[in-house]
Amino acid sequence: MRAIQEVAVRRFALNGFEAVTIDEIAEEAAVSPSTVYRYFGVKEQLVVWDEHDAAIESALGQHFGELPPFDALATAFATAYDLSHEQLEALRERAGLIDSTPALLAHQIASLDLERAALTKALTKAYRGRGRELCLDLVARIAIAALLAGFERWQSSRSRKSLSTWIAEAFDAARAAVDAPR
């Protein structure tokens, strides 16, 4: 999937999202168009798909139950996005493409809502019976907002600070904002 995504992102960056076809991507990636559709479903998902989602799920599995929900999410996201320089550059390229292409941005926003629902479901399962069911959707929403804030700060920054550090700082800021006296 990563090899197909690399071809797609390169082609979209050179020729524009609308100008590139699935057939062209499949040909350059040496796979059939049906393979591209089987893996990604729709053209937008070629860019939006994140290979690090499996690392997030693994980290969540390790921390759910042992840490409070928000802390488990903060740790899982920061851990999953502790990436190599090459991985960060590929992520930065994809993020720039998403931000500059309305169809990709719309797909990303819709995907985030699906991810929030899945995250809420996973939180509810992991923390069932602990009296927190009503706030877990809010925890998921705040965590996704913090994750996006960390990504945006990292993407717009020229500092040497790692993406995982930006994410951790965004979670700390979200925690402080929620805990601030009224």
Foldseek 3Di string as FASTA:
>chain_A
DVLLLVLLLVCCVVPNLVVDDLCNSCVVSVHHSVVVCVVQVDSLSSLLPDPLVVQLVVQLVVPQPVDPPLVSNLVSLLVSQPDDPVVVVSNLSSVVSLVVDVVNVVVNVVVLVVVLVVQLVVNCVSCPPVPCNVCSSVSSVLLVVLLVQLVVCVSPDPDPDGSSVSSNVSSVVSVCVVVPDD
